[in-house]
Amino acid sequence: MKRFLFIASVILSLIPASDLYAEKKVIPITTKEKIFWGKDKRSVTTNSPSIYHDENTLYIHSCLLMEETILTIKDEYNNIVCSIIGSILPDEENIFEMNIKNGTYTIELESKENIYYGYFEIIK
């Protein structure tokens, strides 16, 4: 029994730890600014959030607080498969779990001022 445990621990120690975890993939996003007629926008800085995924988990990081944000995931046929309303906290990794199958998806992150969208694929 001791020999089996020793051999098993040696074999497990040879497997790199990075192979045990899913790899985060960057979702390139595009910004579409909402138009408010009669409202003068004087700021030219854009602080786009960073969005990553590893299969069924989304990671969103933003430098600014994004209140009342609508997160929508659509499949390749433009059907909504996941929708979440909440706040994206600043300087934190906001984690959202999804239960979706393999396929190509569109992510939309709609805040008060902007709409961010991008495309990603899940292959298990």
N, C-alpha and C. Protein backbone atom coordinates (compact mmCIF):
# COMPACT_ATOMS: atom_id res chain seq x y z
N MET A 1 0.83 -1.19 0.00
CA MET A 1 0.00 0.00 0.00
C MET A 1 0.87 1.26 0.00
N LYS A 2 1.94 1.23 0.82
CA LYS A 2 2.82 2.39 0.87
C LYS A 2 3.51 2.60 -0.47
N ARG A 3 3.87 1.52 -1.11
CA ARG A 3 4.51 1.60 -2.42
C ARG A 3 3.57 2.24 -3.45
N PHE A 4 2.28 1.85 -3.40
CA PHE A 4 1.29 2.42 -4.32
C PHE A 4 1.14 3.92 -4.10
N LEU A 5 1.05 4.36 -2.86
CA LEU A 5 0.92 5.79 -2.55
C LEU A 5 2.15 6.56 -3.00
N PHE A 6 3.33 5.96 -2.80
CA PHE A 6 4.56 6.61 -3.23
C PHE A 6 4.59 6.78 -4.76
N ILE A 7 4.24 5.73 -5.49
CA ILE A 7 4.24 5.79 -6.96
C ILE A 7 3.18 6.79 -7.45
N ALA A 8 2.01 6.78 -6.83
CA ALA A 8 0.94 7.71 -7.23
C ALA A 8 1.36 9.16 -6.98
N SER A 9 2.03 9.43 -5.86
CA SER A 9 2.45 10.81 -5.57
C SER A 9 3.55 11.25 -6.53
N VAL A 10 4.44 10.34 -6.94
CA VAL A 10 5.48 10.69 -7.91
C VAL A 10 4.85 11.02 -9.26
N ILE A 11 3.90 10.21 -9.69
CA ILE A 11 3.23 10.46 -10.97
C ILE A 11 2.48 11.78 -10.95
N LEU A 12 1.76 12.05 -9.88
CA LEU A 12 1.01 13.30 -9.77
C LEU A 12 1.93 14.52 -9.71
N SER A 13 3.10 14.36 -9.12
CA SER A 13 4.02 15.50 -9.04
C SER A 13 4.63 15.83 -10.40
N LEU A 14 4.60 14.90 -11.33
CA LEU A 14 5.14 15.14 -12.66
C LEU A 14 4.17 15.91 -13.56
N ILE A 15 2.89 15.94 -13.19
CA ILE A 15 1.90 16.67 -13.98
C ILE A 15 1.99 18.15 -13.61
N PRO A 16 2.20 19.03 -14.60
CA PRO A 16 2.26 20.46 -14.28
C PRO A 16 0.93 20.94 -13.71
N ALA A 17 1.01 21.82 -12.75
CA ALA A 17 -0.20 22.34 -12.10
C ALA A 17 -1.06 23.12 -13.09
N SER A 18 -0.45 23.73 -14.10
CA SER A 18 -1.23 24.50 -15.06
C SER A 18 -2.16 23.62 -15.88
N ASP A 19 -1.86 22.34 -16.03
CA ASP A 19 -2.73 21.44 -16.76
C ASP A 19 -3.98 21.09 -15.98
N LEU A 20 -3.98 21.33 -14.69
CA LEU A 20 -5.13 21.01 -13.87
C LEU A 20 -6.19 22.10 -13.89
N TYR A 21 -5.85 23.29 -14.36
CA TYR A 21 -6.77 24.41 -14.39
C TYR A 21 -7.07 24.81 -15.83
N ALA A 22 -8.29 25.30 -16.05
CA ALA A 22 -8.65 25.79 -17.38
C ALA A 22 -7.93 27.11 -17.63
N GLU A 23 -7.61 27.35 -18.87
CA GLU A 23 -6.88 28.56 -19.24
C GLU A 23 -7.86 29.69 -19.54
N LYS A 24 -7.60 30.87 -18.97
CA LYS A 24 -8.44 32.04 -19.25
C LYS A 24 -8.11 32.56 -20.64
N LYS A 25 -9.14 32.77 -21.43
CA LYS A 25 -8.96 33.30 -22.78
C LYS A 25 -9.55 34.70 -22.83
N VAL A 26 -8.84 35.61 -23.46
CA VAL A 26 -9.30 37.00 -23.59
C VAL A 26 -10.42 37.07 -24.61
N ILE A 27 -11.46 37.82 -24.29
CA ILE A 27 -12.54 38.10 -25.24
C ILE A 27 -12.31 39.52 -25.73
N PRO A 28 -11.90 39.70 -26.99
CA PRO A 28 -11.72 41.06 -27.52
C PRO A 28 -13.08 41.77 -27.58
N ILE A 29 -13.13 42.98 -27.05
CA ILE A 29 -14.40 43.69 -27.02
C ILE A 29 -14.34 44.97 -27.83
N THR A 30 -15.51 45.38 -28.30
CA THR A 30 -15.69 46.62 -29.04
C THR A 30 -16.66 47.48 -28.25
N THR A 31 -16.44 48.78 -28.26
CA THR A 31 -17.29 49.70 -27.52
C THR A 31 -18.23 50.44 -28.47
N LYS A 32 -19.48 50.48 -28.08
CA LYS A 32 -20.47 51.25 -28.83
C LYS A 32 -21.07 52.24 -27.84
N GLU A 33 -20.88 53.51 -28.10
CA GLU A 33 -21.33 54.55 -27.18
C GLU A 33 -22.81 54.83 -27.37
N LYS A 34 -23.54 54.91 -26.26
CA LYS A 34 -24.95 55.27 -26.33
C LYS A 34 -25.05 56.76 -26.64
N ILE A 35 -26.07 57.15 -27.39
CA ILE A 35 -26.25 58.55 -27.76
C ILE A 35 -27.35 59.15 -26.90
N PHE A 36 -26.99 60.21 -26.21
CA PHE A 36 -27.95 60.96 -25.41
C PHE A 36 -28.08 62.35 -26.03
N TRP A 37 -29.18 62.60 -26.67
CA TRP A 37 -29.37 63.89 -27.34
C TRP A 37 -29.42 65.01 -26.32
N GLY A 38 -28.69 66.06 -26.59
CA GLY A 38 -28.67 67.24 -25.73
C GLY A 38 -27.71 67.12 -24.57
N LYS A 39 -27.06 66.00 -24.39
CA LYS A 39 -26.12 65.82 -23.29
C LYS A 39 -24.71 65.95 -23.84
N ASP A 40 -23.95 66.87 -23.25
CA ASP A 40 -22.58 67.13 -23.70
C ASP A 40 -21.62 66.22 -22.95
N LYS A 41 -20.90 65.41 -23.70
CA LYS A 41 -19.91 64.53 -23.09
C LYS A 41 -18.54 65.16 -23.25
N ARG A 42 -17.92 65.55 -22.17
CA ARG A 42 -16.65 66.25 -22.22
C ARG A 42 -15.46 65.34 -21.99
N SER A 43 -15.68 64.17 -21.47
CA SER A 43 -14.57 63.26 -21.20
C SER A 43 -14.26 62.44 -22.45
N VAL A 44 -12.98 62.33 -22.77
CA VAL A 44 -12.58 61.55 -23.92
C VAL A 44 -11.91 60.23 -23.53
N THR A 45 -11.78 59.99 -22.24
CA THR A 45 -11.15 58.76 -21.81
C THR A 45 -12.17 57.62 -21.80
N THR A 46 -11.73 56.48 -22.22
CA THR A 46 -12.58 55.30 -22.16
C THR A 46 -11.86 54.24 -21.34
N ASN A 47 -12.54 53.73 -20.38
CA ASN A 47 -12.00 52.67 -19.54
C ASN A 47 -12.80 51.42 -19.81
N SER A 48 -12.48 50.74 -20.89
CA SER A 48 -13.18 49.53 -21.25
C SER A 48 -12.85 48.42 -20.27
N PRO A 49 -13.84 47.62 -19.91
CA PRO A 49 -13.55 46.49 -19.04
C PRO A 49 -12.79 45.40 -19.81
N SER A 50 -12.09 44.57 -19.08
CA SER A 50 -11.42 43.41 -19.65
C SER A 50 -12.29 42.19 -19.36
N ILE A 51 -12.51 41.37 -20.39
CA ILE A 51 -13.37 40.20 -20.22
C ILE A 51 -12.59 38.95 -20.63
N TYR A 52 -12.62 37.94 -19.77
CA TYR A 52 -11.96 36.67 -20.00
C TYR A 52 -12.97 35.55 -19.78
N HIS A 53 -12.68 34.38 -20.32
CA HIS A 53 -13.52 33.22 -20.02
C HIS A 53 -12.67 31.96 -20.00
N ASP A 54 -13.12 31.01 -19.24
CA ASP A 54 -12.57 29.65 -19.31
C ASP A 54 -13.77 28.70 -19.25
N GLU A 55 -14.22 28.35 -20.42
CA GLU A 55 -15.40 27.52 -20.62
C GLU A 55 -16.63 28.20 -20.02
N ASN A 56 -17.16 27.73 -18.91
CA ASN A 56 -18.43 28.26 -18.39
C ASN A 56 -18.28 29.34 -17.32
N THR A 57 -17.14 29.98 -17.24
CA THR A 57 -16.93 31.05 -16.27
C THR A 57 -16.45 32.31 -16.97
N LEU A 58 -17.10 33.44 -16.67
CA LEU A 58 -16.68 34.74 -17.18
C LEU A 58 -15.98 35.51 -16.07
N TYR A 59 -14.90 36.20 -16.44
CA TYR A 59 -14.17 37.05 -15.51
C TYR A 59 -14.18 38.45 -16.10
N ILE A 60 -14.72 39.42 -15.36
CA ILE A 60 -14.79 40.79 -15.86
C ILE A 60 -14.06 41.69 -14.88
N HIS A 61 -13.15 42.51 -15.42
CA HIS A 61 -12.39 43.45 -14.61
C HIS A 61 -12.58 44.84 -15.18
N SER A 62 -12.90 45.79 -14.32
CA SER A 62 -13.09 47.17 -14.74
C SER A 62 -12.40 48.09 -13.74
N CYS A 63 -11.88 49.20 -14.25
CA CYS A 63 -11.26 50.20 -13.36
C CYS A 63 -12.32 51.08 -12.70
N LEU A 64 -13.51 51.12 -13.28
CA LEU A 64 -14.59 51.96 -12.78
C LEU A 64 -15.76 51.12 -12.31
N LEU A 65 -16.53 51.66 -11.35
CA LEU A 65 -17.75 51.02 -10.92
C LEU A 65 -18.78 51.12 -12.05
N MET A 66 -19.35 50.00 -12.42
CA MET A 66 -20.38 49.97 -13.46
C MET A 66 -21.67 49.46 -12.82
N GLU A 67 -22.52 50.41 -12.40
CA GLU A 67 -23.77 50.04 -11.74
C GLU A 67 -24.85 49.71 -12.77
N GLU A 68 -25.79 48.88 -12.35
CA GLU A 68 -26.94 48.49 -13.17
C GLU A 68 -26.50 48.04 -14.56
N THR A 69 -25.54 47.16 -14.59
CA THR A 69 -25.00 46.65 -15.84
C THR A 69 -25.78 45.40 -16.26
N ILE A 70 -26.09 45.32 -17.54
CA ILE A 70 -26.81 44.17 -18.07
C ILE A 70 -25.80 43.32 -18.86
N LEU A 71 -25.60 42.09 -18.41
CA LEU A 71 -24.71 41.15 -19.07
C LEU A 71 -25.58 40.13 -19.81
N THR A 72 -25.41 40.06 -21.13
CA THR A 72 -26.22 39.17 -21.96
C THR A 72 -25.31 38.29 -22.80
N ILE A 73 -25.59 37.00 -22.81
CA ILE A 73 -24.88 36.06 -23.67
C ILE A 73 -25.88 35.54 -24.69
N LYS A 74 -25.52 35.63 -25.98
CA LYS A 74 -26.39 35.16 -27.06
C LYS A 74 -25.66 34.08 -27.85
N ASP A 75 -26.42 33.10 -28.33
CA ASP A 75 -25.81 32.05 -29.13
C ASP A 75 -25.70 32.49 -30.59
N GLU A 76 -25.24 31.60 -31.45
CA GLU A 76 -25.00 31.95 -32.85
C GLU A 76 -26.29 32.26 -33.61
N TYR A 77 -27.45 31.90 -33.04
CA TYR A 77 -28.74 32.21 -33.67
C TYR A 77 -29.39 33.43 -33.05
N ASN A 78 -28.63 34.17 -32.24
CA ASN A 78 -29.06 35.40 -31.57
C ASN A 78 -30.11 35.15 -30.47
N ASN A 79 -30.17 33.92 -29.96
CA ASN A 79 -31.04 33.60 -28.83
C ASN A 79 -30.30 33.91 -27.53
N ILE A 80 -30.99 34.52 -26.58
CA ILE A 80 -30.38 34.81 -25.28
C ILE A 80 -30.30 33.52 -24.48
N VAL A 81 -29.08 33.14 -24.10
CA VAL A 81 -28.88 31.92 -23.31
C VAL A 81 -28.55 32.24 -21.85
N CYS A 82 -28.17 33.47 -21.58
CA CYS A 82 -27.83 33.87 -20.21
C CYS A 82 -27.97 35.40 -20.10
N SER A 83 -28.61 35.85 -19.05
CA SER A 83 -28.76 37.29 -18.84
C SER A 83 -28.67 37.59 -17.35
N ILE A 84 -27.82 38.54 -16.99
CA ILE A 84 -27.59 38.89 -15.59
C ILE A 84 -27.59 40.41 -15.46
N ILE A 85 -28.27 40.93 -14.46
CA ILE A 85 -28.26 42.36 -14.17
C ILE A 85 -27.57 42.54 -12.82
N GLY A 86 -26.57 43.41 -12.79
CA GLY A 86 -25.85 43.63 -11.54
C GLY A 86 -24.81 44.71 -11.70
N SER A 87 -23.96 44.83 -10.72
CA SER A 87 -22.89 45.82 -10.73
C SER A 87 -21.54 45.15 -10.94
N ILE A 88 -20.68 45.82 -11.69
CA ILE A 88 -19.30 45.39 -11.87
C ILE A 88 -18.47 46.25 -10.93
N LEU A 89 -17.87 45.62 -9.94
CA LEU A 89 -17.11 46.37 -8.94
C LEU A 89 -15.74 46.74 -9.49
N PRO A 90 -15.22 47.91 -9.09
CA PRO A 90 -13.93 48.35 -9.62
C PRO A 90 -12.76 47.59 -8.99
N ASP A 91 -11.71 47.43 -9.79
CA ASP A 91 -10.45 46.83 -9.35
C ASP A 91 -10.62 45.47 -8.69
N GLU A 92 -11.62 44.72 -9.12
CA GLU A 92 -11.83 43.36 -8.64
C GLU A 92 -12.14 42.47 -9.83
N GLU A 93 -11.88 41.20 -9.68
CA GLU A 93 -12.24 40.25 -10.72
C GLU A 93 -13.66 39.77 -10.42
N ASN A 94 -14.62 40.26 -11.19
CA ASN A 94 -16.01 39.88 -11.03
C ASN A 94 -16.23 38.57 -11.79
N ILE A 95 -16.73 37.56 -11.10
CA ILE A 95 -16.85 36.22 -11.67
C ILE A 95 -18.32 35.88 -11.86
N PHE A 96 -18.64 35.39 -13.06
CA PHE A 96 -20.01 34.99 -13.38
C PHE A 96 -19.98 33.57 -13.94
N GLU A 97 -20.76 32.69 -13.34
CA GLU A 97 -20.85 31.31 -13.80
C GLU A 97 -21.99 31.20 -14.80
N MET A 98 -21.75 30.47 -15.89
CA MET A 98 -22.76 30.23 -16.91
C MET A 98 -22.92 28.72 -17.06
N ASN A 99 -24.06 28.31 -17.55
CA ASN A 99 -24.28 26.89 -17.84
C ASN A 99 -24.66 26.78 -19.31
N ILE A 100 -23.66 26.88 -20.19
CA ILE A 100 -23.92 26.84 -21.62
C ILE A 100 -23.07 25.76 -22.27
N LYS A 101 -23.52 25.31 -23.44
CA LYS A 101 -22.88 24.22 -24.16
C LYS A 101 -21.82 24.75 -25.11
N ASN A 102 -21.16 23.83 -25.80
CA ASN A 102 -20.19 24.20 -26.83
C ASN A 102 -20.86 25.05 -27.89
N GLY A 103 -20.11 26.02 -28.43
CA GLY A 103 -20.64 26.85 -29.50
C GLY A 103 -19.98 28.21 -29.54
N THR A 104 -20.47 29.04 -30.45
CA THR A 104 -19.98 30.41 -30.61
C THR A 104 -21.01 31.35 -30.01
N TYR A 105 -20.53 32.31 -29.22
CA TYR A 105 -21.43 33.19 -28.47
C TYR A 105 -21.02 34.65 -28.62
N THR A 106 -22.01 35.52 -28.41
CA THR A 106 -21.79 36.96 -28.35
C THR A 106 -22.03 37.39 -26.91
N ILE A 107 -21.13 38.22 -26.39
CA ILE A 107 -21.33 38.79 -25.05
C ILE A 107 -21.61 40.27 -25.21
N GLU A 108 -22.63 40.76 -24.51
CA GLU A 108 -22.94 42.19 -24.47
C GLU A 108 -22.95 42.63 -23.03
N LEU A 109 -22.24 43.69 -22.77
CA LEU A 109 -22.16 44.27 -21.43
C LEU A 109 -22.64 45.70 -21.56
N GLU A 110 -23.85 45.96 -21.11
CA GLU A 110 -24.47 47.28 -21.30
C GLU A 110 -24.48 48.05 -19.98
N SER A 111 -23.76 49.17 -19.98
CA SER A 111 -23.75 50.05 -18.81
C SER A 111 -24.59 51.28 -19.13
N LYS A 112 -24.56 52.26 -18.25
CA LYS A 112 -25.36 53.47 -18.48
C LYS A 112 -24.89 54.26 -19.69
N GLU A 113 -23.58 54.29 -19.95
CA GLU A 113 -23.04 55.11 -21.03
C GLU A 113 -22.66 54.34 -22.28
N ASN A 114 -22.24 53.08 -22.14
CA ASN A 114 -21.69 52.33 -23.27
C ASN A 114 -22.25 50.92 -23.34
N ILE A 115 -22.10 50.35 -24.52
CA ILE A 115 -22.38 48.94 -24.73
C ILE A 115 -21.07 48.31 -25.21
N TYR A 116 -20.62 47.29 -24.53
CA TYR A 116 -19.41 46.56 -24.91
C TYR A 116 -19.85 45.20 -25.43
N TYR A 117 -19.27 44.78 -26.53
CA TYR A 117 -19.63 43.46 -27.04
C TYR A 117 -18.41 42.77 -27.64
N GLY A 118 -18.49 41.47 -27.67
CA GLY A 118 -17.41 40.66 -28.21
C GLY A 118 -17.91 39.25 -28.51
N TYR A 119 -17.05 38.46 -29.09
CA TYR A 119 -17.40 37.11 -29.51
C TYR A 119 -16.43 36.12 -28.89
N PHE A 120 -16.95 34.97 -28.48
CA PHE A 120 -16.10 33.94 -27.93
C PHE A 120 -16.68 32.57 -28.26
N GLU A 121 -15.83 31.56 -28.10
CA GLU A 121 -16.23 30.20 -28.45
C GLU A 121 -15.90 29.27 -27.30
N ILE A 122 -16.80 28.35 -27.04
CA ILE A 122 -16.57 27.34 -26.00
C ILE A 122 -16.41 26.00 -26.68
N ILE A 123 -15.26 25.38 -26.44
CA ILE A 123 -14.96 24.06 -26.96
C ILE A 123 -14.47 23.22 -25.78
N LYS A 124 -15.18 22.20 -25.44
CA LYS A 124 -14.78 21.36 -24.30
C LYS A 124 -14.13 20.09 -24.78
